[in-house]
């Protein structure tokens, strides 16, 4: 799967998280470099999502290249559960989350 398609799937999962937590005024920035790609998603919410620290833990699951294709297929599903964010973590290398009401920010990086 091409890197741009992978970035699209990752953004889709993060958008689902933003929508399900009523985060609004969403801005997305992506940068493709020789090292990999960066995604920075920002939005506004007055309340910190309940599962914020757990989400960060799931997104920082160590990447597993040996079974990545399987997870890419699973991320194409339409119904999202908490486990999907664990699968997302298996596709990325680093994740950072910050919340300073009302600003919410998720940054992810995936190496080539």
PDB file of N, CA and C in Angstrom:
ATOM      1  N   UNK A   1       0.853  -1.178   0.000  1.00  0.00           N
ATOM      2  CA  UNK A   1       0.000   0.000   0.000  1.00  0.00           C
ATOM      3  C   UNK A   1       0.897   1.238   0.000  1.00  0.00           C
ATOM      4  N   UNK A   2       0.552   2.200  -0.830  1.00  0.00           N
ATOM      5  CA  UNK A   2       1.328   3.424  -0.934  1.00  0.00           C
ATOM      6  C   UNK A   2       1.211   4.265   0.330  1.00  0.00           C
ATOM      7  N   UNK A   3       2.220   5.073   0.591  1.00  0.00           N
ATOM      8  CA  UNK A   3       2.245   5.888   1.805  1.00  0.00           C
ATOM      9  C   UNK A   3       1.073   6.868   1.868  1.00  0.00           C
ATOM     10  N   UNK A   4       0.670   7.421   0.764  1.00  0.00           N
ATOM     11  CA  UNK A   4      -0.457   8.370   0.767  1.00  0.00           C
ATOM     12  C   UNK A   4      -1.762   7.665   1.136  1.00  0.00           C
ATOM     13  N   UNK A   5      -1.932   6.447   0.685  1.00  0.00           N
ATOM     14  CA  UNK A   5      -3.126   5.678   1.051  1.00  0.00           C
ATOM     15  C   UNK A   5      -3.102   5.344   2.542  1.00  0.00           C
ATOM     16  N   UNK A   6      -1.935   5.018   3.059  1.00  0.00           N
ATOM     17  CA  UNK A   6      -1.812   4.749   4.493  1.00  0.00           C
ATOM     18  C   UNK A   6      -2.130   6.002   5.291  1.00  0.00           C
ATOM     19  N   UNK A   7      -1.635   7.145   4.834  1.00  0.00           N
ATOM     20  CA  UNK A   7      -1.919   8.417   5.514  1.00  0.00           C
ATOM     21  C   UNK A   7      -3.417   8.696   5.502  1.00  0.00           C
ATOM     22  N   UNK A   8      -4.065   8.413   4.388  1.00  0.00           N
ATOM     23  CA  UNK A   8      -5.511   8.626   4.281  1.00  0.00           C
ATOM     24  C   UNK A   8      -6.267   7.779   5.298  1.00  0.00           C
ATOM     25  N   UNK A   9      -5.879   6.531   5.447  1.00  0.00           N
ATOM     26  CA  UNK A   9      -6.546   5.645   6.410  1.00  0.00           C
ATOM     27  C   UNK A   9      -6.310   6.094   7.851  1.00  0.00           C
ATOM     28  N   UNK A  10      -5.099   6.546   8.132  1.00  0.00           N
ATOM     29  CA  UNK A  10      -4.795   7.032   9.474  1.00  0.00           C
ATOM     30  C   UNK A  10      -5.615   8.274   9.782  1.00  0.00           C
ATOM     31  N   UNK A  11      -5.682   9.206   8.844  1.00  0.00           N
ATOM     32  CA  UNK A  11      -6.482  10.425   9.030  1.00  0.00           C
ATOM     33  C   UNK A  11      -7.952  10.063   9.227  1.00  0.00           C
ATOM     34  N   UNK A  12      -8.440   9.100   8.470  1.00  0.00           N
ATOM     35  CA  UNK A  12      -9.837   8.672   8.610  1.00  0.00           C
ATOM     36  C   UNK A  12     -10.119   8.182  10.029  1.00  0.00           C
ATOM     37  N   UNK A  13      -9.222   7.380  10.588  1.00  0.00           N
ATOM     38  CA  UNK A  13      -9.405   6.875  11.952  1.00  0.00           C
ATOM     39  C   UNK A  13      -9.360   8.011  12.971  1.00  0.00           C
ATOM     40  N   UNK A  14      -8.435   8.939  12.776  1.00  0.00           N
ATOM     41  CA  UNK A  14      -8.341  10.068  13.702  1.00  0.00           C
ATOM     42  C   UNK A  14      -9.569  10.970  13.602  1.00  0.00           C
ATOM     43  N   UNK A  15     -10.086  11.165  12.392  1.00  0.00           N
ATOM     44  CA  UNK A  15     -11.321  11.949  12.216  1.00  0.00           C
ATOM     45  C   UNK A  15     -12.486  11.294  12.951  1.00  0.00           C
ATOM     46  N   UNK A  16     -12.556   9.983  12.886  1.00  0.00           N
ATOM     47  CA  UNK A  16     -13.603   9.257  13.601  1.00  0.00           C
ATOM     48  C   UNK A  16     -13.505   9.543  15.092  1.00  0.00           C
ATOM     49  N   UNK A  17     -12.283   9.552  15.613  1.00  0.00           N
ATOM     50  CA  UNK A  17     -12.095   9.860  17.035  1.00  0.00           C
ATOM     51  C   UNK A  17     -12.564  11.293  17.336  1.00  0.00           C
ATOM     52  N   UNK A  18     -12.173  12.234  16.502  1.00  0.00           N
ATOM     53  CA  UNK A  18     -12.579  13.627  16.708  1.00  0.00           C
ATOM     54  C   UNK A  18     -14.100  13.745  16.685  1.00  0.00           C
ATOM     55  N   UNK A  19     -14.741  13.159  15.690  1.00  0.00           N
ATOM     56  CA  UNK A  19     -16.207  13.246  15.574  1.00  0.00           C
ATOM     57  C   UNK A  19     -16.894  12.591  16.765  1.00  0.00           C
ATOM     58  N   UNK A  20     -16.412  11.436  17.192  1.00  0.00           N
ATOM     59  CA  UNK A  20     -17.073  10.717  18.281  1.00  0.00           C
ATOM     60  C   UNK A  20     -16.869  11.401  19.635  1.00  0.00           C
ATOM     61  N   UNK A  21     -15.931  12.340  19.703  1.00  0.00           N
ATOM     62  CA  UNK A  21     -15.694  13.086  20.938  1.00  0.00           C
ATOM     63  C   UNK A  21     -16.095  14.554  20.816  1.00  0.00           C
ATOM     64  N   UNK A  22     -16.918  14.852  19.816  1.00  0.00           N
ATOM     65  CA  UNK A  22     -17.465  16.200  19.606  1.00  0.00           C
ATOM     66  C   UNK A  22     -16.384  17.271  19.531  1.00  0.00           C
ATOM     67  N   UNK A  23     -15.281  16.952  18.882  1.00  0.00           N
ATOM     68  CA  UNK A  23     -14.212  17.923  18.658  1.00  0.00           C
ATOM     69  C   UNK A  23     -14.515  18.629  17.347  1.00  0.00           C
ATOM     70  N   UNK A  24     -14.541  19.956  17.384  1.00  0.00           N
ATOM     71  CA  UNK A  24     -14.963  20.755  16.227  1.00  0.00           C
ATOM     72  C   UNK A  24     -13.823  21.622  15.715  1.00  0.00           C
ATOM     73  N   UNK A  25     -14.103  22.364  14.658  1.00  0.00           N
ATOM     74  CA  UNK A  25     -13.122  23.260  14.025  1.00  0.00           C
ATOM     75  C   UNK A  25     -11.825  22.500  13.733  1.00  0.00           C
ATOM     76  N   UNK A  26     -11.960  21.402  13.051  1.00  0.00           N
ATOM     77  CA  UNK A  26     -10.847  20.474  12.809  1.00  0.00           C
ATOM     78  C   UNK A  26      -9.954  20.992  11.672  1.00  0.00           C
ATOM     79  N   UNK A  27      -8.655  20.957  11.934  1.00  0.00           N
ATOM     80  CA  UNK A  27      -7.650  21.305  10.935  1.00  0.00           C
ATOM     81  C   UNK A  27      -6.678  20.132  10.820  1.00  0.00           C
ATOM     82  N   UNK A  28      -6.311  19.825   9.584  1.00  0.00           N
ATOM     83  CA  UNK A  28      -5.411  18.699   9.333  1.00  0.00           C
ATOM     84  C   UNK A  28      -4.235  19.191   8.506  1.00  0.00           C
ATOM     85  N   UNK A  29      -3.028  18.851   8.958  1.00  0.00           N
ATOM     86  CA  UNK A  29      -1.819  19.147   8.187  1.00  0.00           C
ATOM     87  C   UNK A  29      -1.060  17.842   8.009  1.00  0.00           C
ATOM     88  N   UNK A  30      -0.566  17.624   6.786  1.00  0.00           N
ATOM     89  CA  UNK A  30       0.232  16.433   6.511  1.00  0.00           C
ATOM     90  C   UNK A  30       1.490  16.867   5.781  1.00  0.00           C
ATOM     91  N   UNK A  31       2.587  16.176   6.096  1.00  0.00           N
ATOM     92  CA  UNK A  31       3.854  16.472   5.454  1.00  0.00           C
ATOM     93  C   UNK A  31       4.551  15.157   5.142  1.00  0.00           C
ATOM     94  N   UNK A  32       4.852  14.953   3.872  1.00  0.00           N
ATOM     95  CA  UNK A  32       5.563  13.753   3.433  1.00  0.00           C
ATOM     96  C   UNK A  32       7.027  14.126   3.226  1.00  0.00           C
ATOM     97  N   UNK A  33       7.916  13.429   3.924  1.00  0.00           N
ATOM     98  CA  UNK A  33       9.349  13.704   3.822  1.00  0.00           C
ATOM     99  C   UNK A  33      10.074  12.424   3.425  1.00  0.00           C
ATOM    100  N   UNK A  34      11.381  12.520   3.281  1.00  0.00           N
ATOM    101  CA  UNK A  34      12.168  11.327   2.947  1.00  0.00           C
ATOM    102  C   UNK A  34      12.194  10.336   4.108  1.00  0.00           C
ATOM    103  N   UNK A  35      11.922  10.809   5.339  1.00  0.00           N
ATOM    104  CA  UNK A  35      11.899   9.940   6.519  1.00  0.00           C
ATOM    105  C   UNK A  35      10.580   9.194   6.673  1.00  0.00           C
ATOM    106  N   UNK A  36       9.490   9.807   6.230  1.00  0.00           N
ATOM    107  CA  UNK A  36       8.159   9.253   6.409  1.00  0.00           C
ATOM    108  C   UNK A  36       7.128  10.355   6.295  1.00  0.00           C
ATOM    109  N   UNK A  37       6.002  10.222   6.985  1.00  0.00           N
ATOM    110  CA  UNK A  37       5.032  11.313   6.941  1.00  0.00           C
ATOM    111  C   UNK A  37       4.549  11.674   8.335  1.00  0.00           C
ATOM    112  N   UNK A  38       4.185  12.948   8.442  1.00  0.00           N
ATOM    113  CA  UNK A  38       3.692  13.537   9.679  1.00  0.00           C
ATOM    114  C   UNK A  38       2.247  13.962   9.467  1.00  0.00           C
ATOM    115  N   UNK A  39       1.423  13.731  10.469  1.00  0.00           N
ATOM    116  CA  UNK A  39       0.037  14.194  10.457  1.00  0.00           C
ATOM    117  C   UNK A  39      -0.173  14.973  11.743  1.00  0.00           C
ATOM    118  N   UNK A  40      -0.733  16.161  11.601  1.00  0.00           N
ATOM    119  CA  UNK A  40      -1.055  16.997  12.762  1.00  0.00           C
ATOM    120  C   UNK A  40      -2.523  17.381  12.628  1.00  0.00           C
ATOM    121  N   UNK A  41      -3.349  16.919  13.574  1.00  0.00           N
ATOM    122  CA  UNK A  41      -4.782  17.238  13.566  1.00  0.00           C
ATOM    123  C   UNK A  41      -5.092  18.048  14.810  1.00  0.00           C
ATOM    124  N   UNK A  42      -5.786  19.152  14.598  1.00  0.00           N
ATOM    125  CA  UNK A  42      -6.151  20.032  15.698  1.00  0.00           C
ATOM    126  C   UNK A  42      -7.638  20.294  15.659  1.00  0.00           C
ATOM    127  N   UNK A  43      -8.206  20.516  16.832  1.00  0.00           N
ATOM    128  CA  UNK A  43      -9.615  20.839  16.921  1.00  0.00           C
ATOM    129  C   UNK A  43      -9.906  21.541  18.233  1.00  0.00           C
ATOM    130  N   UNK A  44     -11.178  21.826  18.434  1.00  0.00           N
ATOM    131  CA  UNK A  44     -11.617  22.553  19.623  1.00  0.00           C
ATOM    132  C   UNK A  44     -12.656  21.728  20.375  1.00  0.00           C
ATOM    133  N   UNK A  45     -12.474  21.648  21.689  1.00  0.00           N
ATOM    134  CA  UNK A  45     -13.448  21.007  22.563  1.00  0.00           C
ATOM    135  C   UNK A  45     -13.256  21.582  23.960  1.00  0.00           C
ATOM    136  N   UNK A  46     -14.341  21.763  24.662  1.00  0.00           N
ATOM    137  CA  UNK A  46     -14.249  22.329  26.008  1.00  0.00           C
ATOM    138  C   UNK A  46     -13.874  21.280  27.044  1.00  0.00           C
ATOM    139  N   UNK A  47     -14.235  20.023  26.798  1.00  0.00           N
ATOM    140  CA  UNK A  47     -13.950  18.955  27.758  1.00  0.00           C
ATOM    141  C   UNK A  47     -12.922  17.994  27.205  1.00  0.00           C
ATOM    142  N   UNK A  48     -12.007  17.613  28.065  1.00  0.00           N
ATOM    143  CA  UNK A  48     -11.027  16.606  27.674  1.00  0.00           C
ATOM    144  C   UNK A  48     -11.742  15.272  27.480  1.00  0.00           C
ATOM    145  N   UNK A  49     -11.507  14.600  26.348  1.00  0.00           N
ATOM    146  CA  UNK A  49     -12.121  13.280  26.157  1.00  0.00           C
ATOM    147  C   UNK A  49     -11.740  12.345  27.303  1.00  0.00           C
ATOM    148  N   UNK A  50     -12.697  11.562  27.759  1.00  0.00           N
ATOM    149  CA  UNK A  50     -12.487  10.645  28.891  1.00  0.00           C
ATOM    150  C   UNK A  50     -11.303   9.718  28.697  1.00  0.00           C
ATOM    151  N   UNK A  51     -11.139   9.221  27.507  1.00  0.00           N
ATOM    152  CA  UNK A  51     -10.162   8.166  27.241  1.00  0.00           C
ATOM    153  C   UNK A  51      -8.864   8.694  26.641  1.00  0.00           C
ATOM    154  N   UNK A  52      -8.527   9.923  26.908  1.00  0.00           N
ATOM    155  CA  UNK A  52      -7.383  10.555  26.259  1.00  0.00           C
ATOM    156  C   UNK A  52      -6.063   9.838  26.533  1.00  0.00           C
ATOM    157  N   UNK A  53      -5.766   9.552  27.770  1.00  0.00           N
ATOM    158  CA  UNK A  53      -4.503   8.873  28.087  1.00  0.00           C
ATOM    159  C   UNK A  53      -4.480   7.451  27.540  1.00  0.00           C
ATOM    160  N   UNK A  54      -5.628   6.797  27.568  1.00  0.00           N
ATOM    161  CA  UNK A  54      -5.711   5.446  27.011  1.00  0.00           C
ATOM    162  C   UNK A  54      -5.499   5.486  25.502  1.00  0.00           C
ATOM    163  N   UNK A  55      -6.062   6.496  24.830  1.00  0.00           N
ATOM    164  CA  UNK A  55      -5.848   6.651  23.391  1.00  0.00           C
ATOM    165  C   UNK A  55      -4.356   6.817  23.098  1.00  0.00           C
ATOM    166  N   UNK A  56      -3.685   7.655  23.863  1.00  0.00           N
ATOM    167  CA  UNK A  56      -2.258   7.865  23.646  1.00  0.00           C
ATOM    168  C   UNK A  56      -1.495   6.550  23.797  1.00  0.00           C
ATOM    169  N   UNK A  57      -1.852   5.774  24.797  1.00  0.00           N
ATOM    170  CA  UNK A  57      -1.222   4.471  25.004  1.00  0.00           C
ATOM    171  C   UNK A  57      -1.466   3.550  23.807  1.00  0.00           C
ATOM    172  N   UNK A  58      -2.696   3.530  23.295  1.00  0.00           N
ATOM    173  CA  UNK A  58      -3.014   2.678  22.149  1.00  0.00           C
ATOM    174  C   UNK A  58      -2.268   3.120  20.896  1.00  0.00           C
ATOM    175  N   UNK A  59      -2.175   4.434  20.687  1.00  0.00           N
ATOM    176  CA  UNK A  59      -1.491   4.937  19.501  1.00  0.00           C
ATOM    177  C   UNK A  59       0.012   4.703  19.562  1.00  0.00           C
ATOM    178  N   UNK A  60       0.559   4.589  20.739  1.00  0.00           N
ATOM    179  CA  UNK A  60       1.993   4.353  20.872  1.00  0.00           C
ATOM    180  C   UNK A  60       2.330   2.874  21.009  1.00  0.00           C
ATOM    181  N   UNK A  61       1.405   2.004  20.608  1.00  0.00           N
ATOM    182  CA  UNK A  61       1.694   0.570  20.514  1.00  0.00           C
ATOM    183  C   UNK A  61       2.835   0.403  19.512  1.00  0.00           C
ATOM    184  N   UNK A  62       3.853  -0.388  19.817  1.00  0.00           N
ATOM    185  CA  UNK A  62       4.961  -0.546  18.869  1.00  0.00           C
ATOM    186  C   UNK A  62       4.471  -1.047  17.510  1.00  0.00           C
ATOM    187  N   UNK A  63       4.996  -0.448  16.470  1.00  0.00           N
ATOM    188  CA  UNK A  63       4.645  -0.812  15.108  1.00  0.00           C
ATOM    189  C   UNK A  63       5.118  -2.225  14.806  1.00  0.00           C
ATOM    190  N   UNK A  64       4.284  -2.997  14.117  1.00  0.00           N
ATOM    191  CA  UNK A  64       4.608  -4.382  13.791  1.00  0.00           C
ATOM    192  C   UNK A  64       4.531  -4.563  12.275  1.00  0.00           C
ATOM    193  N   UNK A  65       5.680  -4.497  11.614  1.00  0.00           N
ATOM    194  CA  UNK A  65       5.731  -4.590  10.153  1.00  0.00           C
ATOM    195  C   UNK A  65       5.304  -5.953   9.627  1.00  0.00           C
ATOM    196  N   UNK A  66       5.519  -7.009  10.408  1.00  0.00           N
ATOM    197  CA  UNK A  66       5.247  -8.351   9.913  1.00  0.00           C
ATOM    198  C   UNK A  66       3.764  -8.612   9.668  1.00  0.00           C
ATOM    199  N   UNK A  67       2.892  -7.887  10.354  1.00  0.00           N
ATOM    200  CA  UNK A  67       1.452  -8.117  10.173  1.00  0.00           C
ATOM    201  C   UNK A  67       0.712  -6.837   9.783  1.00  0.00           C
ATOM    202  N   UNK A  68       1.459  -5.877   9.230  1.00  0.00           N
ATOM    203  CA  UNK A  68       0.878  -4.588   8.883  1.00  0.00           C
ATOM    204  C   UNK A  68      -0.235  -4.694   7.840  1.00  0.00           C
ATOM    205  N   UNK A  69      -0.066  -5.524   6.827  1.00  0.00           N
ATOM    206  CA  UNK A  69      -1.080  -5.664   5.785  1.00  0.00           C
ATOM    207  C   UNK A  69      -2.427  -6.083   6.353  1.00  0.00           C
ATOM    208  N   UNK A  70      -2.402  -6.974   7.307  1.00  0.00           N
ATOM    209  CA  UNK A  70      -3.632  -7.439   7.962  1.00  0.00           C
ATOM    210  C   UNK A  70      -4.330  -6.274   8.663  1.00  0.00           C
ATOM    211  N   UNK A  71      -3.584  -5.451   9.366  1.00  0.00           N
ATOM    212  CA  UNK A  71      -4.172  -4.319  10.082  1.00  0.00           C
ATOM    213  C   UNK A  71      -4.684  -3.253   9.120  1.00  0.00           C
ATOM    214  N   UNK A  72      -4.001  -3.091   7.993  1.00  0.00           N
ATOM    215  CA  UNK A  72      -4.476  -2.130   6.998  1.00  0.00           C
ATOM    216  C   UNK A  72      -5.869  -2.513   6.513  1.00  0.00           C
ATOM    217  N   UNK A  73      -6.092  -3.798   6.289  1.00  0.00           N
ATOM    218  CA  UNK A  73      -7.413  -4.257   5.875  1.00  0.00           C
ATOM    219  C   UNK A  73      -8.449  -4.014   6.957  1.00  0.00           C
ATOM    220  N   UNK A  74      -8.106  -4.302   8.201  1.00  0.00           N
ATOM    221  CA  UNK A  74      -9.047  -4.116   9.305  1.00  0.00           C
ATOM    222  C   UNK A  74      -9.421  -2.657   9.499  1.00  0.00           C
ATOM    223  N   UNK A  75      -8.503  -1.745   9.227  1.00  0.00           N
ATOM    224  CA  UNK A  75      -8.811  -0.327   9.412  1.00  0.00           C
ATOM    225  C   UNK A  75      -9.806   0.180   8.372  1.00  0.00           C
ATOM    226  N   UNK A  76     -10.101  -0.607   7.374  1.00  0.00           N
ATOM    227  CA  UNK A  76     -11.078  -0.202   6.378  1.00  0.00           C
ATOM    228  C   UNK A  76     -12.514  -0.421   6.822  1.00  0.00           C
ATOM    229  N   UNK A  77     -12.749  -0.994   7.992  1.00  0.00           N
ATOM    230  CA  UNK A  77     -14.104  -1.265   8.442  1.00  0.00           C
ATOM    231  C   UNK A  77     -14.812   0.034   8.806  1.00  0.00           C
ATOM    232  N   UNK A  78     -16.151  -0.001   8.806  1.00  0.00           N
ATOM    233  CA  UNK A  78     -16.906   1.225   9.049  1.00  0.00           C
ATOM    234  C   UNK A  78     -17.326   1.403  10.496  1.00  0.00           C
ATOM    235  N   UNK A  79     -17.484   0.330  11.249  1.00  0.00           N
ATOM    236  CA  UNK A  79     -17.862   0.431  12.658  1.00  0.00           C
ATOM    237  C   UNK A  79     -16.584   0.452  13.493  1.00  0.00           C
ATOM    238  N   UNK A  80     -16.438   1.465  14.335  1.00  0.00           N
ATOM    239  CA  UNK A  80     -15.193   1.635  15.077  1.00  0.00           C
ATOM    240  C   UNK A  80     -15.356   1.272  16.541  1.00  0.00           C
ATOM    241  N   UNK A  81     -14.390   0.553  17.036  1.00  0.00           N
ATOM    242  CA  UNK A  81     -14.318   0.156  18.434  1.00  0.00           C
ATOM    243  C   UNK A  81     -12.988   0.645  18.989  1.00  0.00           C
ATOM    244  N   UNK A  82     -12.816   0.542  20.284  1.00  0.00           N
ATOM    245  CA  UNK A  82     -11.564   0.956  20.922  1.00  0.00           C
ATOM    246  C   UNK A  82     -10.370   0.214  20.340  1.00  0.00           C
ATOM    247  N   UNK A  83     -10.548  -1.060  20.002  1.00  0.00           N
ATOM    248  CA  UNK A  83      -9.447  -1.858  19.469  1.00  0.00           C
ATOM    249  C   UNK A  83      -8.894  -1.280  18.168  1.00  0.00           C
ATOM    250  N   UNK A  84      -9.735  -0.542  17.425  1.00  0.00           N
ATOM    251  CA  UNK A  84      -9.278   0.039  16.170  1.00  0.00           C
ATOM    252  C   UNK A  84      -8.138   1.014  16.399  1.00  0.00           C
ATOM    253  N   UNK A  85      -8.141   1.704  17.528  1.00  0.00           N
ATOM    254  CA  UNK A  85      -7.063   2.644  17.813  1.00  0.00           C
ATOM    255  C   UNK A  85      -5.777   1.893  18.155  1.00  0.00           C
ATOM    256  N   UNK A  86      -5.904   0.701  18.715  1.00  0.00           N
ATOM    257  CA  UNK A  86      -4.738  -0.159  18.921  1.00  0.00           C
ATOM    258  C   UNK A  86      -4.176  -0.569  17.557  1.00  0.00           C
ATOM    259  N   UNK A  87      -5.053  -0.924  16.631  1.00  0.00           N
ATOM    260  CA  UNK A  87      -4.618  -1.284  15.280  1.00  0.00           C
ATOM    261  C   UNK A  87      -3.937  -0.096  14.616  1.00  0.00           C
ATOM    262  N   UNK A  88      -4.493   1.084  14.828  1.00  0.00           N
ATOM    263  CA  UNK A  88      -3.891   2.293  14.276  1.00  0.00           C
ATOM    264  C   UNK A  88      -2.483   2.482  14.838  1.00  0.00           C
ATOM    265  N   UNK A  89      -2.322   2.219  16.128  1.00  0.00           N
ATOM    266  CA  UNK A  89      -1.010   2.326  16.745  1.00  0.00           C
ATOM    267  C   UNK A  89       0.006   1.381  16.125  1.00  0.00           C
ATOM    268  N   UNK A  90      -0.451   0.237  15.632  1.00  0.00           N
ATOM    269  CA  UNK A  90       0.444  -0.717  14.979  1.00  0.00           C
ATOM    270  C   UNK A  90       0.924  -0.211  13.622  1.00  0.00           C
ATOM    271  N   UNK A  91       0.277   0.835  13.089  1.00  0.00           N
ATOM    272  CA  UNK A  91       0.649   1.377  11.784  1.00  0.00           C
ATOM    273  C   UNK A  91       1.513   2.630  11.882  1.00  0.00           C
ATOM    274  N   UNK A  92       1.625   3.210  13.068  1.00  0.00           N
ATOM    275  CA  UNK A  92       2.404   4.438  13.203  1.00  0.00           C
ATOM    276  C   UNK A  92       3.582   4.216  14.147  1.00  0.00           C
ATOM    277  N   UNK A  93       4.532   5.135  14.107  1.00  0.00           N
ATOM    278  CA  UNK A  93       5.731   4.993  14.921  1.00  0.00           C
ATOM    279  C   UNK A  93       5.716   5.864  16.172  1.00  0.00           C
ATOM    280  N   UNK A  94       5.101   7.020  16.104  1.00  0.00           N
ATOM    281  CA  UNK A  94       5.076   7.923  17.253  1.00  0.00           C
ATOM    282  C   UNK A  94       3.753   8.678  17.272  1.00  0.00           C
ATOM    283  N   UNK A  95       3.279   8.967  18.471  1.00  0.00           N
ATOM    284  CA  UNK A  95       2.062   9.774  18.622  1.00  0.00           C
ATOM    285  C   UNK A  95       2.220  10.687  19.824  1.00  0.00           C
ATOM    286  N   UNK A  96       1.725  11.902  19.684  1.00  0.00           N
ATOM    287  CA  UNK A  96       1.678  12.869  20.778  1.00  0.00           C
ATOM    288  C   UNK A  96       0.276  13.440  20.826  1.00  0.00           C
ATOM    289  N   UNK A  97      -0.219  13.673  22.024  1.00  0.00           N
ATOM    290  CA  UNK A  97      -1.532  14.290  22.200  1.00  0.00           C
ATOM    291  C   UNK A  97      -1.392  15.401  23.214  1.00  0.00           C
ATOM    292  N   UNK A  98      -2.015  16.535  22.924  1.00  0.00           N
ATOM    293  CA  UNK A  98      -2.048  17.613  23.912  1.00  0.00           C
ATOM    294  C   UNK A  98      -3.466  18.179  23.978  1.00  0.00           C
ATOM    295  N   UNK A  99      -3.838  18.586  25.183  1.00  0.00           N
ATOM    296  CA  UNK A  99      -5.136  19.218  25.397  1.00  0.00           C
ATOM    297  C   UNK A  99      -4.957  20.368  26.368  1.00  0.00           C
ATOM    298  N   UNK A 100      -5.279  21.542  25.902  1.00  0.00           N
ATOM    299  CA  UNK A 100      -5.284  22.750  26.715  1.00  0.00           C
ATOM    300  C   UNK A 100      -6.546  23.489  26.306  1.00  0.00           C
ATOM    301  N   UNK A 101      -7.635  23.233  27.048  1.00  0.00           N
ATOM    302  CA  UNK A 101      -8.974  23.682  26.653  1.00  0.00           C
ATOM    303  C   UNK A 101      -8.945  25.093  26.087  1.00  0.00           C
ATOM    304  N   UNK A 102      -9.546  25.264  24.946  1.00  0.00           N
ATOM    305  CA  UNK A 102     -10.306  24.300  24.154  1.00  0.00           C
ATOM    306  C   UNK A 102      -9.492  23.587  23.074  1.00  0.00           C
ATOM    307  N   UNK A 103      -8.179  23.785  23.056  1.00  0.00           N
ATOM    308  CA  UNK A 103      -7.355  23.254  21.970  1.00  0.00           C
ATOM    309  C   UNK A 103      -6.971  21.795  22.202  1.00  0.00           C
ATOM    310  N   UNK A 104      -7.238  20.963  21.191  1.00  0.00           N
ATOM    311  CA  UNK A 104      -6.931  19.539  21.207  1.00  0.00           C
ATOM    312  C   UNK A 104      -6.050  19.260  20.002  1.00  0.00           C
ATOM    313  N   UNK A 105      -4.953  18.522  20.201  1.00  0.00           N
ATOM    314  CA  UNK A 105      -3.989  18.302  19.120  1.00  0.00           C
ATOM    315  C   UNK A 105      -3.446  16.882  19.180  1.00  0.00           C
ATOM    316  N   UNK A 106      -3.455  16.209  18.034  1.00  0.00           N
ATOM    317  CA  UNK A 106      -2.827  14.894  17.893  1.00  0.00           C
ATOM    318  C   UNK A 106      -1.812  14.990  16.777  1.00  0.00           C
ATOM    319  N   UNK A 107      -0.600  14.527  17.063  1.00  0.00           N
ATOM    320  CA  UNK A 107       0.463  14.475  16.059  1.00  0.00           C
ATOM    321  C   UNK A 107       0.926  13.035  15.960  1.00  0.00           C
ATOM    322  N   UNK A 108       1.036  12.542  14.725  1.00  0.00           N
ATOM    323  CA  UNK A 108       1.543  11.187  14.527  1.00  0.00           C
ATOM    324  C   UNK A 108       2.639  11.219  13.461  1.00  0.00           C
ATOM    325  N   UNK A 109       3.533  10.248  13.555  1.00  0.00           N
ATOM    326  CA  UNK A 109       4.612  10.112  12.590  1.00  0.00           C
ATOM    327  C   UNK A 109       4.726   8.643  12.202  1.00  0.00           C
ATOM    328  N   UNK A 110       4.926   8.409  10.924  1.00  0.00           N
ATOM    329  CA  UNK A 110       5.128   7.046  10.410  1.00  0.00           C
ATOM    330  C   UNK A 110       6.367   7.066   9.532  1.00  0.00           C
ATOM    331  N   UNK A 111       7.332   6.221   9.905  1.00  0.00           N
ATOM    332  CA  UNK A 111       8.561   6.090   9.112  1.00  0.00           C
ATOM    333  C   UNK A 111       8.284   5.286   7.847  1.00  0.00           C
ATOM    334  N   UNK A 112       9.077   5.549   6.832  1.00  0.00           N
ATOM    335  CA  UNK A 112       8.972   4.761   5.600  1.00  0.00           C
ATOM    336  C   UNK A 112       9.467   3.366   5.824  1.00  0.00           C
TER     337      UNK A 112
END
